[in-house]
Amino acid sequence: MPEGHAAIQRDLDRLEKWADRNLMQFNKGKCQVLHLGRNNPRHQYMLGATQLESSFAEKDLEFVVETKLNMSQQCALTAKAANGILGCIRQSIASRLREVIFPLYSALVRPQLEYCVHVWAPQYKKDMEILERVQRRATKMMEWSISPMRKG
């Protein structure tokens, strides 16, 4: 909406004035605009005399937000990080017993898979399959110790 565009530009102008008053400078080359939503007119914004560039995705605290709010990239990055940790566990731990691998999986891999999941909850089957593949890989790494049955 035009009034929303004007409000954002006013906020950017106030931010620029605040920075000048406090003798601070922005690295304007790192400032970008993420246009969200359908039919977004993609207004151009200025920070001082510099026109801000548009971005298709932004990453903050290892969480990726895309212009279309599609979380497929987030799922792929999460699976990649979790697989990397699984690879480290596989390389550095000689035992494959469940009693050894499962606590490592629970402490190191599972938090990667669950980080911000309430926000980026996978919506597509292919995204869920990517994450489930990590879990299957962890399960295949484990050897299940079978205790001998006691004779009564």
N, C-alpha and C. Protein backbone atom coordinates (compact mmCIF):
# COMPACT_ATOMS: atom_id res chain seq x y z
N MET A 1 0.84 -1.18 0.00
CA MET A 1 0.00 0.00 0.00
C MET A 1 0.89 1.25 0.00
N PRO A 2 0.46 2.29 -0.67
CA PRO A 2 1.27 3.53 -0.72
C PRO A 2 1.57 4.12 0.65
N GLU A 3 0.57 4.06 1.56
CA GLU A 3 0.82 4.63 2.89
C GLU A 3 1.85 3.81 3.67
N GLY A 4 1.89 2.48 3.41
CA GLY A 4 2.90 1.63 4.04
C GLY A 4 4.29 1.97 3.52
N HIS A 5 4.39 2.19 2.22
CA HIS A 5 5.65 2.58 1.60
C HIS A 5 6.15 3.89 2.20
N ALA A 6 5.26 4.87 2.34
CA ALA A 6 5.63 6.17 2.90
C ALA A 6 6.07 6.03 4.35
N ALA A 7 5.40 5.18 5.13
CA ALA A 7 5.76 4.98 6.54
C ALA A 7 7.15 4.35 6.66
N ILE A 8 7.44 3.37 5.82
CA ILE A 8 8.76 2.73 5.87
C ILE A 8 9.84 3.73 5.48
N GLN A 9 9.60 4.52 4.45
CA GLN A 9 10.59 5.51 4.03
C GLN A 9 10.80 6.55 5.14
N ARG A 10 9.73 6.97 5.82
CA ARG A 10 9.86 7.92 6.95
C ARG A 10 10.72 7.32 8.05
N ASP A 11 10.51 6.03 8.35
CA ASP A 11 11.32 5.36 9.38
C ASP A 11 12.79 5.32 8.97
N LEU A 12 13.04 5.04 7.70
CA LEU A 12 14.43 5.02 7.23
C LEU A 12 15.06 6.41 7.33
N ASP A 13 14.29 7.45 7.02
CA ASP A 13 14.80 8.82 7.13
C ASP A 13 15.10 9.16 8.58
N ARG A 14 14.22 8.77 9.50
CA ARG A 14 14.48 9.01 10.93
C ARG A 14 15.70 8.25 11.40
N LEU A 15 15.88 7.03 10.91
CA LEU A 15 17.05 6.22 11.27
C LEU A 15 18.33 6.90 10.80
N GLU A 16 18.32 7.43 9.61
CA GLU A 16 19.48 8.14 9.06
C GLU A 16 19.80 9.38 9.90
N LYS A 17 18.78 10.15 10.28
CA LYS A 17 18.98 11.34 11.12
C LYS A 17 19.53 10.95 12.49
N TRP A 18 19.01 9.87 13.06
CA TRP A 18 19.48 9.40 14.36
C TRP A 18 20.97 9.03 14.27
N ALA A 19 21.35 8.34 13.21
CA ALA A 19 22.74 7.95 13.03
C ALA A 19 23.63 9.19 12.90
N ASP A 20 23.19 10.19 12.16
CA ASP A 20 23.96 11.43 12.01
C ASP A 20 24.14 12.14 13.35
N ARG A 21 23.05 12.23 14.12
CA ARG A 21 23.12 12.89 15.43
C ARG A 21 24.09 12.19 16.37
N ASN A 22 24.16 10.87 16.26
CA ASN A 22 25.02 10.08 17.14
C ASN A 22 26.38 9.76 16.53
N LEU A 23 26.70 10.45 15.45
CA LEU A 23 27.99 10.30 14.76
C LEU A 23 28.27 8.85 14.39
N MET A 24 27.23 8.19 13.89
CA MET A 24 27.37 6.80 13.45
C MET A 24 27.14 6.74 11.94
N GLN A 25 27.68 5.70 11.33
CA GLN A 25 27.48 5.50 9.90
C GLN A 25 27.01 4.08 9.65
N PHE A 26 26.11 3.95 8.71
CA PHE A 26 25.67 2.63 8.27
C PHE A 26 26.53 2.19 7.10
N ASN A 27 26.79 0.88 7.04
CA ASN A 27 27.40 0.32 5.84
C ASN A 27 26.24 0.08 4.88
N LYS A 28 25.95 1.07 4.08
CA LYS A 28 24.76 1.03 3.23
C LYS A 28 24.84 -0.06 2.17
N GLY A 29 26.03 -0.52 1.86
CA GLY A 29 26.19 -1.61 0.91
C GLY A 29 25.64 -2.92 1.46
N LYS A 30 25.55 -3.03 2.79
CA LYS A 30 25.03 -4.25 3.41
C LYS A 30 23.53 -4.16 3.69
N CYS A 31 22.95 -3.00 3.51
CA CYS A 31 21.52 -2.81 3.77
C CYS A 31 20.72 -3.22 2.53
N GLN A 32 19.75 -4.10 2.73
CA GLN A 32 18.92 -4.57 1.63
C GLN A 32 17.47 -4.62 2.07
N VAL A 33 16.58 -4.66 1.10
CA VAL A 33 15.14 -4.72 1.35
C VAL A 33 14.63 -6.09 0.93
N LEU A 34 13.86 -6.73 1.81
CA LEU A 34 13.22 -8.00 1.50
C LEU A 34 11.74 -7.72 1.27
N HIS A 35 11.28 -7.87 0.05
CA HIS A 35 9.88 -7.61 -0.31
C HIS A 35 9.09 -8.89 -0.09
N LEU A 36 8.12 -8.85 0.81
CA LEU A 36 7.32 -10.03 1.13
C LEU A 36 5.92 -9.90 0.55
N GLY A 37 5.30 -11.04 0.28
CA GLY A 37 3.90 -11.07 -0.12
C GLY A 37 3.69 -11.09 -1.62
N ARG A 38 2.51 -11.49 -2.00
CA ARG A 38 2.13 -11.52 -3.41
C ARG A 38 1.73 -10.12 -3.87
N ASN A 39 1.90 -9.87 -5.12
CA ASN A 39 1.54 -8.58 -5.72
C ASN A 39 2.20 -7.40 -5.01
N ASN A 40 3.38 -7.64 -4.48
CA ASN A 40 4.12 -6.57 -3.81
C ASN A 40 4.68 -5.65 -4.91
N PRO A 41 4.39 -4.35 -4.84
CA PRO A 41 4.86 -3.45 -5.90
C PRO A 41 6.38 -3.22 -5.88
N ARG A 42 7.07 -3.74 -4.87
CA ARG A 42 8.53 -3.65 -4.77
C ARG A 42 9.00 -2.20 -4.87
N HIS A 43 8.52 -1.39 -3.96
CA HIS A 43 8.95 0.02 -3.91
C HIS A 43 10.44 0.11 -3.66
N GLN A 44 11.03 1.15 -4.17
CA GLN A 44 12.45 1.41 -3.93
C GLN A 44 12.56 2.30 -2.69
N TYR A 45 13.51 1.98 -1.82
CA TYR A 45 13.70 2.74 -0.59
C TYR A 45 15.08 3.37 -0.59
N MET A 46 15.19 4.48 0.09
CA MET A 46 16.45 5.22 0.17
C MET A 46 16.90 5.27 1.62
N LEU A 47 18.19 5.11 1.84
CA LEU A 47 18.79 5.35 3.15
C LEU A 47 19.77 6.49 2.94
N GLY A 48 19.35 7.69 3.31
CA GLY A 48 20.11 8.88 2.96
C GLY A 48 20.00 9.08 1.46
N ALA A 49 21.15 9.20 0.80
CA ALA A 49 21.15 9.40 -0.65
C ALA A 49 21.35 8.09 -1.40
N THR A 50 21.41 6.97 -0.68
CA THR A 50 21.69 5.67 -1.29
C THR A 50 20.41 4.87 -1.48
N GLN A 51 20.20 4.37 -2.69
CA GLN A 51 19.05 3.51 -2.96
C GLN A 51 19.39 2.11 -2.47
N LEU A 52 18.50 1.52 -1.68
CA LEU A 52 18.74 0.19 -1.14
C LEU A 52 18.40 -0.88 -2.17
N GLU A 53 19.24 -1.91 -2.25
CA GLU A 53 19.01 -3.01 -3.18
C GLU A 53 17.97 -3.97 -2.62
N SER A 54 17.34 -4.72 -3.50
CA SER A 54 16.38 -5.74 -3.08
C SER A 54 17.09 -7.07 -2.87
N SER A 55 16.53 -7.88 -2.00
CA SER A 55 17.07 -9.20 -1.70
C SER A 55 15.95 -10.22 -1.85
N PHE A 56 16.28 -11.44 -2.28
CA PHE A 56 15.28 -12.49 -2.42
C PHE A 56 15.19 -13.36 -1.18
N ALA A 57 16.24 -13.35 -0.34
CA ALA A 57 16.24 -14.13 0.89
C ALA A 57 17.21 -13.48 1.87
N GLU A 58 16.87 -13.56 3.14
CA GLU A 58 17.73 -13.04 4.19
C GLU A 58 17.92 -14.11 5.24
N LYS A 59 19.11 -14.14 5.83
CA LYS A 59 19.43 -15.14 6.84
C LYS A 59 19.80 -14.41 8.13
N ASP A 60 19.15 -14.82 9.22
CA ASP A 60 19.43 -14.23 10.52
C ASP A 60 19.34 -15.34 11.56
N LEU A 61 20.37 -15.47 12.36
CA LEU A 61 20.43 -16.53 13.37
C LEU A 61 20.19 -17.90 12.76
N GLU A 62 20.80 -18.14 11.60
CA GLU A 62 20.70 -19.41 10.87
C GLU A 62 19.28 -19.72 10.40
N PHE A 63 18.44 -18.71 10.30
CA PHE A 63 17.08 -18.89 9.82
C PHE A 63 16.92 -18.08 8.54
N VAL A 64 16.43 -18.72 7.48
CA VAL A 64 16.32 -18.09 6.17
C VAL A 64 14.87 -17.71 5.90
N VAL A 65 14.66 -16.45 5.52
CA VAL A 65 13.33 -15.98 5.12
C VAL A 65 13.43 -15.58 3.65
N GLU A 66 12.57 -16.15 2.82
CA GLU A 66 12.54 -15.85 1.39
C GLU A 66 11.36 -14.94 1.08
N THR A 67 11.42 -14.29 -0.06
CA THR A 67 10.34 -13.37 -0.45
C THR A 67 9.00 -14.08 -0.57
N LYS A 68 9.00 -15.33 -1.02
CA LYS A 68 7.74 -16.08 -1.19
C LYS A 68 7.36 -16.84 0.07
N LEU A 69 8.15 -16.67 1.13
CA LEU A 69 7.94 -17.38 2.40
C LEU A 69 7.90 -18.89 2.21
N ASN A 70 8.67 -19.38 1.26
CA ASN A 70 8.82 -20.80 0.99
C ASN A 70 9.97 -21.30 1.86
N MET A 71 9.75 -22.36 2.61
CA MET A 71 10.75 -22.81 3.57
C MET A 71 11.62 -23.96 3.05
N SER A 72 11.57 -24.24 1.76
CA SER A 72 12.36 -25.34 1.20
C SER A 72 13.85 -25.10 1.39
N GLN A 73 14.30 -23.87 1.20
CA GLN A 73 15.72 -23.58 1.38
C GLN A 73 16.12 -23.78 2.84
N GLN A 74 15.24 -23.41 3.78
CA GLN A 74 15.52 -23.62 5.20
C GLN A 74 15.66 -25.11 5.50
N CYS A 75 14.77 -25.93 4.94
CA CYS A 75 14.84 -27.38 5.16
C CYS A 75 16.15 -27.95 4.62
N ALA A 76 16.56 -27.51 3.43
CA ALA A 76 17.80 -28.01 2.83
C ALA A 76 19.01 -27.60 3.66
N LEU A 77 19.05 -26.37 4.14
CA LEU A 77 20.18 -25.91 4.97
C LEU A 77 20.21 -26.64 6.31
N THR A 78 19.05 -26.89 6.88
CA THR A 78 18.98 -27.61 8.14
C THR A 78 19.48 -29.04 7.97
N ALA A 79 19.03 -29.71 6.91
CA ALA A 79 19.48 -31.09 6.65
C ALA A 79 20.98 -31.12 6.40
N LYS A 80 21.51 -30.14 5.70
CA LYS A 80 22.94 -30.10 5.42
C LYS A 80 23.74 -29.96 6.72
N ALA A 81 23.30 -29.08 7.61
CA ALA A 81 23.99 -28.90 8.89
C ALA A 81 23.92 -30.17 9.73
N ALA A 82 22.74 -30.78 9.80
CA ALA A 82 22.56 -32.00 10.58
C ALA A 82 23.39 -33.15 10.01
N ASN A 83 23.43 -33.28 8.68
CA ASN A 83 24.26 -34.32 8.06
C ASN A 83 25.74 -34.10 8.32
N GLY A 84 26.16 -32.84 8.36
CA GLY A 84 27.55 -32.54 8.68
C GLY A 84 27.92 -33.00 10.08
N ILE A 85 27.03 -32.78 11.01
CA ILE A 85 27.29 -33.21 12.39
C ILE A 85 27.29 -34.73 12.46
N LEU A 86 26.35 -35.38 11.75
CA LEU A 86 26.34 -36.85 11.72
C LEU A 86 27.64 -37.40 11.14
N GLY A 87 28.15 -36.73 10.12
CA GLY A 87 29.43 -37.14 9.53
C GLY A 87 30.56 -37.04 10.52
N CYS A 88 30.59 -35.99 11.31
CA CYS A 88 31.62 -35.85 12.34
C CYS A 88 31.51 -36.95 13.39
N ILE A 89 30.28 -37.27 13.77
CA ILE A 89 30.08 -38.34 14.75
C ILE A 89 30.58 -39.66 14.17
N ARG A 90 30.24 -39.91 12.92
CA ARG A 90 30.65 -41.17 12.27
C ARG A 90 32.18 -41.28 12.18
N GLN A 91 32.83 -40.16 11.86
CA GLN A 91 34.29 -40.16 11.71
C GLN A 91 35.03 -40.29 13.05
N SER A 92 34.47 -39.70 14.10
CA SER A 92 35.23 -39.59 15.34
C SER A 92 34.85 -40.61 16.41
N ILE A 93 33.73 -41.30 16.26
CA ILE A 93 33.29 -42.25 17.27
C ILE A 93 33.39 -43.66 16.69
N ALA A 94 34.19 -44.50 17.35
CA ALA A 94 34.40 -45.86 16.84
C ALA A 94 33.20 -46.76 17.09
N SER A 95 32.56 -46.59 18.22
CA SER A 95 31.43 -47.46 18.57
C SER A 95 30.19 -47.09 17.77
N ARG A 96 29.44 -48.09 17.42
CA ARG A 96 28.18 -47.86 16.72
C ARG A 96 26.99 -48.32 17.57
N LEU A 97 27.26 -48.58 18.85
CA LEU A 97 26.19 -49.02 19.73
C LEU A 97 25.18 -47.90 19.94
N ARG A 98 23.94 -48.28 20.02
CA ARG A 98 22.86 -47.32 20.21
C ARG A 98 23.09 -46.49 21.47
N GLU A 99 23.61 -47.10 22.51
CA GLU A 99 23.84 -46.41 23.78
C GLU A 99 24.88 -45.29 23.64
N VAL A 100 25.70 -45.35 22.61
CA VAL A 100 26.71 -44.33 22.36
C VAL A 100 26.19 -43.29 21.36
N ILE A 101 25.66 -43.75 20.25
CA ILE A 101 25.25 -42.86 19.15
C ILE A 101 23.99 -42.07 19.48
N PHE A 102 23.01 -42.70 20.11
CA PHE A 102 21.74 -42.01 20.36
C PHE A 102 21.89 -40.76 21.23
N PRO A 103 22.66 -40.80 22.33
CA PRO A 103 22.82 -39.56 23.10
C PRO A 103 23.53 -38.46 22.30
N LEU A 104 24.47 -38.83 21.45
CA LEU A 104 25.13 -37.84 20.60
C LEU A 104 24.14 -37.25 19.59
N TYR A 105 23.33 -38.12 19.00
CA TYR A 105 22.29 -37.65 18.07
C TYR A 105 21.33 -36.70 18.79
N SER A 106 20.90 -37.10 19.98
CA SER A 106 19.93 -36.29 20.73
C SER A 106 20.50 -34.93 21.13
N ALA A 107 21.79 -34.89 21.45
CA ALA A 107 22.40 -33.65 21.92
C ALA A 107 22.88 -32.75 20.79
N LEU A 108 23.32 -33.34 19.68
CA LEU A 108 23.97 -32.55 18.63
C LEU A 108 23.15 -32.40 17.34
N VAL A 109 22.49 -33.47 16.91
CA VAL A 109 21.81 -33.45 15.62
C VAL A 109 20.36 -33.00 15.76
N ARG A 110 19.65 -33.58 16.69
CA ARG A 110 18.22 -33.27 16.83
C ARG A 110 17.95 -31.78 17.07
N PRO A 111 18.74 -31.09 17.88
CA PRO A 111 18.48 -29.64 18.02
C PRO A 111 18.58 -28.89 16.69
N GLN A 112 19.46 -29.34 15.79
CA GLN A 112 19.54 -28.72 14.46
C GLN A 112 18.22 -28.89 13.72
N LEU A 113 17.65 -30.09 13.81
CA LEU A 113 16.41 -30.38 13.10
C LEU A 113 15.21 -29.65 13.71
N GLU A 114 15.29 -29.35 15.00
CA GLU A 114 14.15 -28.74 15.68
C GLU A 114 14.26 -27.23 15.83
N TYR A 115 15.40 -26.64 15.48
CA TYR A 115 15.60 -25.20 15.67
C TYR A 115 14.59 -24.41 14.85
N CYS A 116 13.78 -23.61 15.49
CA CYS A 116 12.77 -22.75 14.86
C CYS A 116 11.75 -23.53 14.03
N VAL A 117 11.56 -24.81 14.31
CA VAL A 117 10.66 -25.62 13.49
C VAL A 117 9.23 -25.09 13.56
N HIS A 118 8.87 -24.39 14.64
CA HIS A 118 7.51 -23.85 14.76
C HIS A 118 7.28 -22.74 13.73
N VAL A 119 8.37 -22.08 13.36
CA VAL A 119 8.26 -21.00 12.38
C VAL A 119 8.30 -21.55 10.96
N TRP A 120 9.26 -22.43 10.68
CA TRP A 120 9.47 -22.87 9.30
C TRP A 120 8.88 -24.25 9.01
N ALA A 121 7.96 -24.72 9.80
CA ALA A 121 7.37 -26.05 9.65
C ALA A 121 7.29 -26.48 8.18
N PRO A 122 7.93 -27.59 7.84
CA PRO A 122 7.94 -28.04 6.44
C PRO A 122 6.53 -28.28 5.93
N GLN A 123 6.24 -27.71 4.76
CA GLN A 123 4.91 -27.79 4.20
C GLN A 123 4.82 -28.81 3.06
N TYR A 124 5.94 -29.08 2.44
CA TYR A 124 5.94 -29.95 1.26
C TYR A 124 6.52 -31.31 1.61
N LYS A 125 6.01 -32.33 0.92
CA LYS A 125 6.46 -33.69 1.16
C LYS A 125 7.97 -33.83 0.93
N LYS A 126 8.48 -33.17 -0.11
CA LYS A 126 9.91 -33.28 -0.42
C LYS A 126 10.76 -32.69 0.70
N ASP A 127 10.27 -31.63 1.36
CA ASP A 127 11.01 -31.04 2.47
C ASP A 127 11.03 -31.97 3.68
N MET A 128 9.89 -32.60 3.96
CA MET A 128 9.84 -33.55 5.07
C MET A 128 10.74 -34.75 4.81
N GLU A 129 10.77 -35.20 3.56
CA GLU A 129 11.61 -36.34 3.21
C GLU A 129 13.09 -36.03 3.40
N ILE A 130 13.49 -34.81 3.10
CA ILE A 130 14.89 -34.41 3.30
C ILE A 130 15.27 -34.53 4.77
N LEU A 131 14.39 -34.06 5.63
CA LEU A 131 14.67 -34.11 7.07
C LEU A 131 14.58 -35.53 7.60
N GLU A 132 13.63 -36.30 7.11
CA GLU A 132 13.52 -37.70 7.54
C GLU A 132 14.72 -38.52 7.11
N ARG A 133 15.31 -38.17 5.97
CA ARG A 133 16.50 -38.87 5.48
C ARG A 133 17.65 -38.74 6.50
N VAL A 134 17.76 -37.58 7.14
CA VAL A 134 18.79 -37.38 8.16
C VAL A 134 18.53 -38.34 9.32
N GLN A 135 17.28 -38.44 9.73
CA GLN A 135 16.94 -39.33 10.84
C GLN A 135 17.20 -40.79 10.49
N ARG A 136 16.87 -41.18 9.26
CA ARG A 136 17.14 -42.56 8.84
C ARG A 136 18.64 -42.84 8.81
N ARG A 137 19.41 -41.85 8.38
CA ARG A 137 20.87 -42.03 8.34
C ARG A 137 21.41 -42.26 9.74
N ALA A 138 20.89 -41.51 10.71
CA ALA A 138 21.33 -41.68 12.09
C ALA A 138 20.94 -43.06 12.61
N THR A 139 19.75 -43.51 12.27
CA THR A 139 19.30 -44.83 12.72
C THR A 139 20.15 -45.93 12.13
N LYS A 140 20.53 -45.80 10.86
CA LYS A 140 21.37 -46.81 10.21
C LYS A 140 22.77 -46.86 10.80
N MET A 141 23.22 -45.73 11.39
CA MET A 141 24.55 -45.71 12.00
C MET A 141 24.62 -46.57 13.25
N MET A 142 23.49 -46.78 13.90
CA MET A 142 23.47 -47.45 15.19
C MET A 142 23.38 -48.96 15.05
N GLU A 143 24.13 -49.63 15.88
CA GLU A 143 23.99 -51.07 16.03
C GLU A 143 23.15 -51.30 17.26
N TRP A 144 22.18 -52.13 17.14
CA TRP A 144 21.29 -52.36 18.27
C TRP A 144 21.85 -53.52 19.09
N SER A 145 22.21 -53.24 20.32
CA SER A 145 22.74 -54.31 21.17
C SER A 145 21.56 -55.12 21.70
N ILE A 146 21.67 -56.42 21.58
CA ILE A 146 20.60 -57.31 22.01
C ILE A 146 21.10 -58.07 23.23
N SER A 147 20.42 -57.85 24.34
CA SER A 147 20.85 -58.54 25.56
C SER A 147 20.33 -59.99 25.54
N PRO A 148 21.16 -60.91 25.96
CA PRO A 148 20.72 -62.31 25.97
C PRO A 148 19.53 -62.49 26.92
N MET A 149 18.60 -63.32 26.51
CA MET A 149 17.41 -63.54 27.35
C MET A 149 17.80 -64.39 28.55
N ARG A 150 17.25 -64.04 29.68
CA ARG A 150 17.53 -64.80 30.91
C ARG A 150 16.68 -66.07 30.94
N LYS A 151 17.28 -67.10 31.40
CA LYS A 151 16.54 -68.35 31.53
C LYS A 151 15.92 -68.35 32.93
N GLY A 152 14.68 -68.72 33.02
CA GLY A 152 13.95 -68.65 34.27
C GLY A 152 13.96 -69.86 34.99
